[in-house]
N, C-alpha and C. Protein backbone atom coordinates (compact mmCIF):
# COMPACT_ATOMS: atom_id res chain seq x y z
N UNK A 1 116.76 79.02 64.18
CA UNK A 1 114.89 79.99 64.85
C UNK A 1 116.12 81.54 65.27
N UNK A 2 115.18 82.30 65.60
CA UNK A 2 115.96 83.67 66.32
C UNK A 2 115.42 83.23 67.73
N UNK A 3 116.53 84.41 68.03
CA UNK A 3 116.11 84.36 69.49
C UNK A 3 115.25 84.76 70.40
N UNK A 4 115.13 85.83 69.63
CA UNK A 4 114.15 86.25 70.16
C UNK A 4 112.54 86.18 70.27
N UNK A 5 112.26 84.79 69.59
CA UNK A 5 110.87 84.56 69.90
C UNK A 5 110.40 83.78 70.84
N UNK A 6 109.02 83.48 71.32
CA UNK A 6 108.49 83.31 71.97
C UNK A 6 107.55 81.45 71.91
N UNK A 7 107.93 80.95 72.65
CA UNK A 7 107.27 79.84 72.17
C UNK A 7 106.30 78.88 73.14
N UNK A 8 105.23 78.37 72.56
CA UNK A 8 103.67 77.87 72.95
C UNK A 8 104.46 76.25 73.21
N UNK A 9 103.86 75.44 74.26
CA UNK A 9 103.73 74.59 74.90
C UNK A 9 102.23 73.87 75.02
N UNK A 10 101.62 73.43 73.79
CA UNK A 10 99.95 72.94 74.13
C UNK A 10 100.12 72.33 74.70
N UNK A 11 99.42 71.97 75.97
CA UNK A 11 99.36 70.61 76.96
C UNK A 11 97.94 69.80 76.50
N UNK A 12 98.05 68.81 75.77
CA UNK A 12 97.24 68.41 75.86
C UNK A 12 97.66 66.35 74.98
N UNK A 13 97.50 65.36 74.97
CA UNK A 13 97.65 64.35 74.64
C UNK A 13 98.94 64.30 73.81
N UNK A 14 98.77 65.30 73.28
CA UNK A 14 99.81 65.84 71.45
C UNK A 14 100.72 66.75 72.14
N UNK A 15 101.18 66.73 73.08
CA UNK A 15 101.93 67.81 73.25
C UNK A 15 101.96 68.40 71.67
N UNK A 16 102.63 70.11 71.87
CA UNK A 16 102.87 70.45 70.67
C UNK A 16 103.56 72.09 70.24
N UNK A 17 104.52 71.62 70.61
CA UNK A 17 105.70 73.79 70.40
C UNK A 17 105.60 74.18 68.95
N UNK A 18 105.21 75.89 69.51
CA UNK A 18 104.57 76.34 68.54
C UNK A 18 105.22 77.52 69.14
N UNK A 19 105.49 78.59 67.82
CA UNK A 19 105.67 80.15 68.09
C UNK A 19 104.69 80.65 68.27
N UNK A 20 104.87 81.77 69.54
CA UNK A 20 103.63 82.01 69.88
C UNK A 20 103.82 83.95 69.47
N UNK A 21 103.09 84.54 68.49
CA UNK A 21 103.09 85.43 68.15
C UNK A 21 102.66 86.18 68.71
N UNK A 22 103.07 87.91 68.77
CA UNK A 22 103.69 88.92 70.02
C UNK A 22 103.83 90.12 69.17
N UNK A 23 103.12 91.40 69.86
CA UNK A 23 103.54 92.57 69.34
C UNK A 23 103.77 93.43 70.37
N UNK A 24 104.10 94.92 69.90
CA UNK A 24 104.88 95.77 70.71
C UNK A 24 106.21 95.93 69.83
N UNK A 25 106.86 95.74 70.82
CA UNK A 25 107.87 96.28 71.35
C UNK A 25 108.81 95.14 71.72
N UNK A 26 109.89 94.20 71.34
CA UNK A 26 110.36 93.21 72.29
C UNK A 26 111.86 93.72 72.74
N UNK A 27 111.88 92.50 74.10
CA UNK A 27 113.64 92.54 74.63
C UNK A 27 114.64 92.30 73.68
N UNK A 28 115.70 93.03 74.00
CA UNK A 28 116.80 92.80 73.32
C UNK A 28 117.14 91.27 73.69
N UNK A 29 117.71 90.34 73.03
CA UNK A 29 118.12 89.00 72.56
C UNK A 29 119.54 89.53 74.40
N UNK A 30 118.56 88.29 74.99
CA UNK A 30 119.29 88.38 76.00
C UNK A 30 119.66 86.52 76.71
N UNK A 31 120.29 86.01 77.75
CA UNK A 31 120.33 84.78 78.63
C UNK A 31 120.49 85.26 79.86
N UNK A 32 120.42 84.31 80.99
CA UNK A 32 120.67 84.71 82.21
C UNK A 32 119.64 85.21 82.87
N UNK A 33 118.09 85.33 82.03
CA UNK A 33 117.11 86.10 82.82
C UNK A 33 116.49 85.27 84.04
N UNK A 34 115.60 85.74 83.91
CA UNK A 34 114.04 85.74 84.94
C UNK A 34 113.25 85.75 84.21
N UNK A 35 112.12 84.91 84.26
CA UNK A 35 110.53 85.06 83.73
C UNK A 35 109.98 83.91 85.19
N UNK A 36 108.71 85.05 85.11
CA UNK A 36 107.71 84.67 85.91
C UNK A 36 106.51 84.73 85.85
N UNK A 37 105.34 84.36 86.13
CA UNK A 37 103.87 84.62 85.78
C UNK A 37 103.28 84.97 86.67
N UNK A 38 102.38 86.08 86.43
CA UNK A 38 101.99 87.13 87.07
C UNK A 38 100.51 86.50 87.38
N UNK A 39 99.80 85.83 87.67
CA UNK A 39 98.34 85.26 87.36
C UNK A 39 97.32 85.95 88.07
N UNK A 40 97.99 87.23 89.07
CA UNK A 40 96.50 87.84 89.25
C UNK A 40 96.31 88.82 88.03
N UNK A 41 97.67 88.95 87.01
CA UNK A 41 97.49 89.89 85.63
C UNK A 41 97.17 89.37 84.71
N UNK A 42 97.46 88.43 84.79
CA UNK A 42 97.64 87.67 83.15
C UNK A 42 98.76 87.55 82.46
N UNK A 43 99.77 87.30 83.33
CA UNK A 43 101.36 87.58 82.28
C UNK A 43 101.98 87.19 82.51
N UNK A 44 103.30 87.76 81.81
CA UNK A 44 104.70 87.09 82.36
C UNK A 44 105.67 88.17 82.36
N UNK A 45 106.38 87.79 83.79
CA UNK A 45 107.51 89.50 83.99
C UNK A 45 108.63 88.94 83.47
N UNK A 46 109.50 89.64 82.74
CA UNK A 46 111.01 89.15 81.97
C UNK A 46 111.92 90.31 83.15
N UNK A 47 112.78 89.27 83.93
CA UNK A 47 114.13 90.85 84.43
C UNK A 47 115.45 90.63 83.88
N UNK A 48 115.85 91.51 83.86
CA UNK A 48 117.44 91.07 83.89
C UNK A 48 117.88 90.06 82.50
N UNK A 49 118.90 89.89 82.45
CA UNK A 49 119.81 88.76 82.29
C UNK A 49 120.89 89.51 81.65
N UNK A 50 121.87 88.66 81.10
CA UNK A 50 123.34 89.20 79.65
C UNK A 50 123.49 90.72 81.09
N UNK A 51 123.83 90.99 81.72
CA UNK A 51 124.09 92.14 82.45
C UNK A 51 123.10 93.01 82.18
N UNK A 52 121.96 93.33 82.31
CA UNK A 52 120.46 94.09 82.08
C UNK A 52 120.32 94.47 83.43
N UNK A 53 119.06 95.38 83.22
CA UNK A 53 118.87 95.89 84.84
C UNK A 53 116.91 96.71 84.07
N UNK A 54 116.12 95.97 83.62
CA UNK A 54 115.13 95.79 82.55
C UNK A 54 114.21 95.04 82.90
N UNK A 55 112.74 95.43 83.11
CA UNK A 55 111.67 94.78 83.82
C UNK A 55 110.70 95.14 82.81
N UNK A 56 109.91 93.52 81.66
CA UNK A 56 109.37 93.53 80.98
C UNK A 56 107.96 92.71 81.02
N UNK A 57 107.10 93.18 80.72
CA UNK A 57 105.79 91.79 80.96
C UNK A 57 105.06 92.24 79.65
N UNK A 58 104.73 90.77 79.36
CA UNK A 58 104.21 89.98 78.74
C UNK A 58 102.71 89.38 78.42
N UNK A 59 101.53 90.32 78.28
CA UNK A 59 99.94 90.23 78.60
C UNK A 59 100.02 89.00 78.00
N UNK A 60 98.99 88.10 78.94
CA UNK A 60 98.71 86.84 77.97
C UNK A 60 97.05 86.89 77.54
N UNK A 61 96.29 88.03 78.07
CA UNK A 61 95.26 88.11 78.02
C UNK A 61 94.25 88.85 76.49
N UNK A 62 95.39 89.37 75.61
CA UNK A 62 95.31 90.05 75.00
C UNK A 62 95.56 89.12 73.57
N UNK A 63 94.48 89.06 72.59
CA UNK A 63 95.49 88.83 71.37
C UNK A 63 95.88 89.13 70.43
N UNK A 64 96.90 89.82 70.03
CA UNK A 64 97.57 88.73 70.31
C UNK A 64 98.47 89.55 71.78
N UNK A 65 99.72 88.38 72.54
CA UNK A 65 99.93 88.30 73.75
C UNK A 65 100.74 90.02 73.13
N UNK A 66 100.66 91.04 74.70
CA UNK A 66 101.51 92.56 73.71
C UNK A 66 102.76 92.56 74.51
N UNK A 67 103.88 92.44 74.14
CA UNK A 67 105.20 92.99 75.32
C UNK A 67 104.89 94.80 75.65
N UNK A 68 105.34 94.85 76.85
CA UNK A 68 105.47 95.97 77.31
C UNK A 68 106.71 95.98 78.14
N UNK A 69 107.31 97.16 77.92
CA UNK A 69 109.34 97.79 79.21
C UNK A 69 107.98 97.86 79.38
N UNK A 70 108.31 98.50 80.91
CA UNK A 70 108.01 98.21 82.55
C UNK A 70 109.01 99.12 83.31
N UNK A 71 108.65 100.94 84.04
CA UNK A 71 109.57 101.40 84.47
C UNK A 71 109.47 101.35 86.10
N UNK A 72 110.10 100.60 86.69
CA UNK A 72 109.63 100.58 88.34
C UNK A 72 110.28 102.30 88.41
N UNK A 73 111.27 102.60 88.04
CA UNK A 73 112.04 103.66 88.76
C UNK A 73 113.14 102.87 89.85
N UNK A 74 113.80 104.42 90.56
CA UNK A 74 114.70 103.82 90.85
C UNK A 74 114.33 103.57 92.64
N UNK A 75 114.94 102.38 93.91
CA UNK A 75 116.67 101.83 93.06
C UNK A 75 115.31 100.78 92.38
N UNK A 76 117.02 100.09 91.68
CA UNK A 76 116.55 99.02 90.75
C UNK A 76 118.17 97.57 91.43
N UNK A 77 117.37 96.55 91.72
CA UNK A 77 118.32 96.06 91.51
C UNK A 77 119.56 95.92 90.61
N UNK A 78 119.65 96.30 89.66
CA UNK A 78 121.26 96.66 89.31
C UNK A 78 121.71 95.23 88.11
N UNK A 79 121.98 95.32 87.36
CA UNK A 79 122.23 94.38 86.27
C UNK A 79 123.08 93.18 87.20
N UNK A 80 122.57 92.01 87.58
CA UNK A 80 123.06 91.29 88.12
C UNK A 80 123.90 90.07 87.18
N UNK A 81 124.47 89.47 87.99
CA UNK A 81 125.81 88.23 86.66
C UNK A 81 125.51 87.35 87.28
N UNK A 82 123.71 87.23 88.30
CA UNK A 82 123.63 85.27 87.85
C UNK A 82 122.66 85.42 89.09
N UNK A 83 121.25 85.03 88.66
CA UNK A 83 119.89 85.24 89.57
C UNK A 83 118.69 84.70 89.34
N UNK A 84 118.11 84.07 90.25
CA UNK A 84 116.81 83.39 90.42
C UNK A 84 115.45 84.36 90.81
N UNK A 85 114.23 84.42 90.65
CA UNK A 85 113.15 85.06 90.40
C UNK A 85 111.89 83.91 90.65
N UNK A 86 111.05 83.84 91.86
CA UNK A 86 109.60 83.55 91.63
C UNK A 86 108.85 84.76 91.66
N UNK A 87 107.54 84.47 91.71
CA UNK A 87 106.19 84.72 92.53
C UNK A 87 105.90 84.25 93.32
N UNK A 88 105.53 85.37 94.29
CA UNK A 88 105.24 85.29 95.76
C UNK A 88 103.87 85.34 95.48
N UNK A 89 102.74 84.29 94.93
CA UNK A 89 101.31 85.03 94.92
C UNK A 89 100.38 85.47 95.84
N UNK A 90 100.63 84.84 97.13
CA UNK A 90 100.22 85.21 98.69
C UNK A 90 100.38 86.40 98.59
N UNK A 91 101.10 87.53 98.57
CA UNK A 91 102.36 88.39 98.88
C UNK A 91 101.88 89.49 97.92
N UNK A 92 101.77 88.82 96.44
CA UNK A 92 101.75 89.81 95.43
C UNK A 92 102.99 90.64 94.94
N UNK A 93 103.89 89.51 94.87
CA UNK A 93 104.97 89.93 94.49
C UNK A 93 106.01 89.49 94.00
N UNK A 94 107.23 89.70 93.05
CA UNK A 94 108.15 88.97 92.70
C UNK A 94 109.63 89.07 93.99
N UNK A 95 109.93 87.66 93.80
CA UNK A 95 111.50 87.89 94.56
C UNK A 95 112.75 87.58 93.94
N UNK A 96 113.65 88.78 94.12
CA UNK A 96 114.60 88.48 92.76
C UNK A 96 116.23 88.07 93.99
N UNK A 97 117.05 86.83 93.60
CA UNK A 97 117.92 86.29 94.31
C UNK A 97 118.68 86.82 93.97
N UNK A 98 120.06 87.21 93.82
CA UNK A 98 121.03 86.36 93.42
C UNK A 98 122.34 87.16 93.61
N UNK A 99 123.77 87.20 92.85
CA UNK A 99 124.90 88.38 93.18
C UNK A 99 124.93 89.48 92.28
N UNK A 100 125.73 90.76 93.10
CA UNK A 100 125.50 91.90 92.95
C UNK A 100 126.69 92.34 92.89
N UNK A 101 127.73 92.11 92.31
CA UNK A 101 128.58 92.60 92.48
C UNK A 101 129.53 91.38 93.87
N UNK A 102 129.84 92.34 95.01
CA UNK A 102 130.50 90.94 95.81
C UNK A 102 129.66 90.55 96.77
N UNK A 103 128.47 90.79 96.65
CA UNK A 103 127.00 90.45 97.35
C UNK A 103 126.18 89.82 96.88
N UNK A 104 125.35 89.30 97.66
CA UNK A 104 124.40 88.21 97.60
C UNK A 104 122.80 88.84 98.42
N UNK A 105 121.82 89.31 97.43
CA UNK A 105 121.09 89.71 97.20
C UNK A 105 120.03 89.73 97.05
N UNK A 106 118.78 89.84 97.57
CA UNK A 106 117.37 89.56 97.73
C UNK A 106 116.42 91.12 97.35
N UNK A 107 115.80 91.07 95.95
CA UNK A 107 114.92 92.03 95.69
C UNK A 107 113.40 91.89 95.83
N UNK A 108 112.67 92.99 96.02
CA UNK A 108 111.17 92.29 95.80
C UNK A 108 110.39 93.26 94.95
N UNK A 109 109.48 92.88 93.97
CA UNK A 109 109.31 93.70 93.33
C UNK A 109 107.67 93.76 93.01
N UNK A 110 107.01 94.99 93.94
CA UNK A 110 105.68 95.05 93.78
C UNK A 110 104.94 94.96 91.96
N UNK A 111 104.11 94.34 91.46
CA UNK A 111 103.93 94.21 90.18
C UNK A 111 102.91 95.36 90.17
N UNK A 112 102.51 96.38 91.09
CA UNK A 112 101.05 97.12 91.19
C UNK A 112 101.26 98.42 90.12
N UNK A 113 100.10 99.49 89.77
CA UNK A 113 101.11 100.24 89.03
C UNK A 113 100.67 101.77 89.74
N UNK A 114 102.78 101.95 89.86
CA UNK A 114 103.13 101.81 88.66
C UNK A 114 104.77 100.23 89.40
N UNK A 115 105.29 99.45 88.59
CA UNK A 115 105.40 98.72 89.49
C UNK A 115 106.73 99.30 90.41
N UNK A 116 107.40 98.71 91.68
CA UNK A 116 108.23 99.39 92.48
C UNK A 116 109.20 98.16 93.00
N UNK A 117 110.29 98.43 92.71
CA UNK A 117 111.30 97.98 93.58
C UNK A 117 111.61 97.77 95.31
N UNK A 118 112.20 96.83 95.55
CA UNK A 118 111.85 97.46 96.72
C UNK A 118 113.57 96.11 97.92
N UNK A 119 114.40 96.51 98.17
CA UNK A 119 115.62 95.81 98.46
C UNK A 119 115.58 94.53 99.91
């Protein structure tokens, strides 16, 4: 199984996994990343992992879904050794919590256009 596939679980009486075909350039293979669902924009947001500091969007409203690398600009959280993220729908933001070097940090991503990070 390739490491850069996206899998879909059909939530029905007979739940079934299948590979989801996507378009666009894909994120590099990684581990330790965060993935959240942005309901307002019907997309997934993938952040970081494997000491990476990048941000990707997978649009779910398109057929097939399309990967896009987002460029929020500076400052950015930097590559975290371990982190977690969640999407705060009420405030329309993604929060990332984790360790950077010797400190624990919380970063907020405003997913508007263009997206912007804030510590």
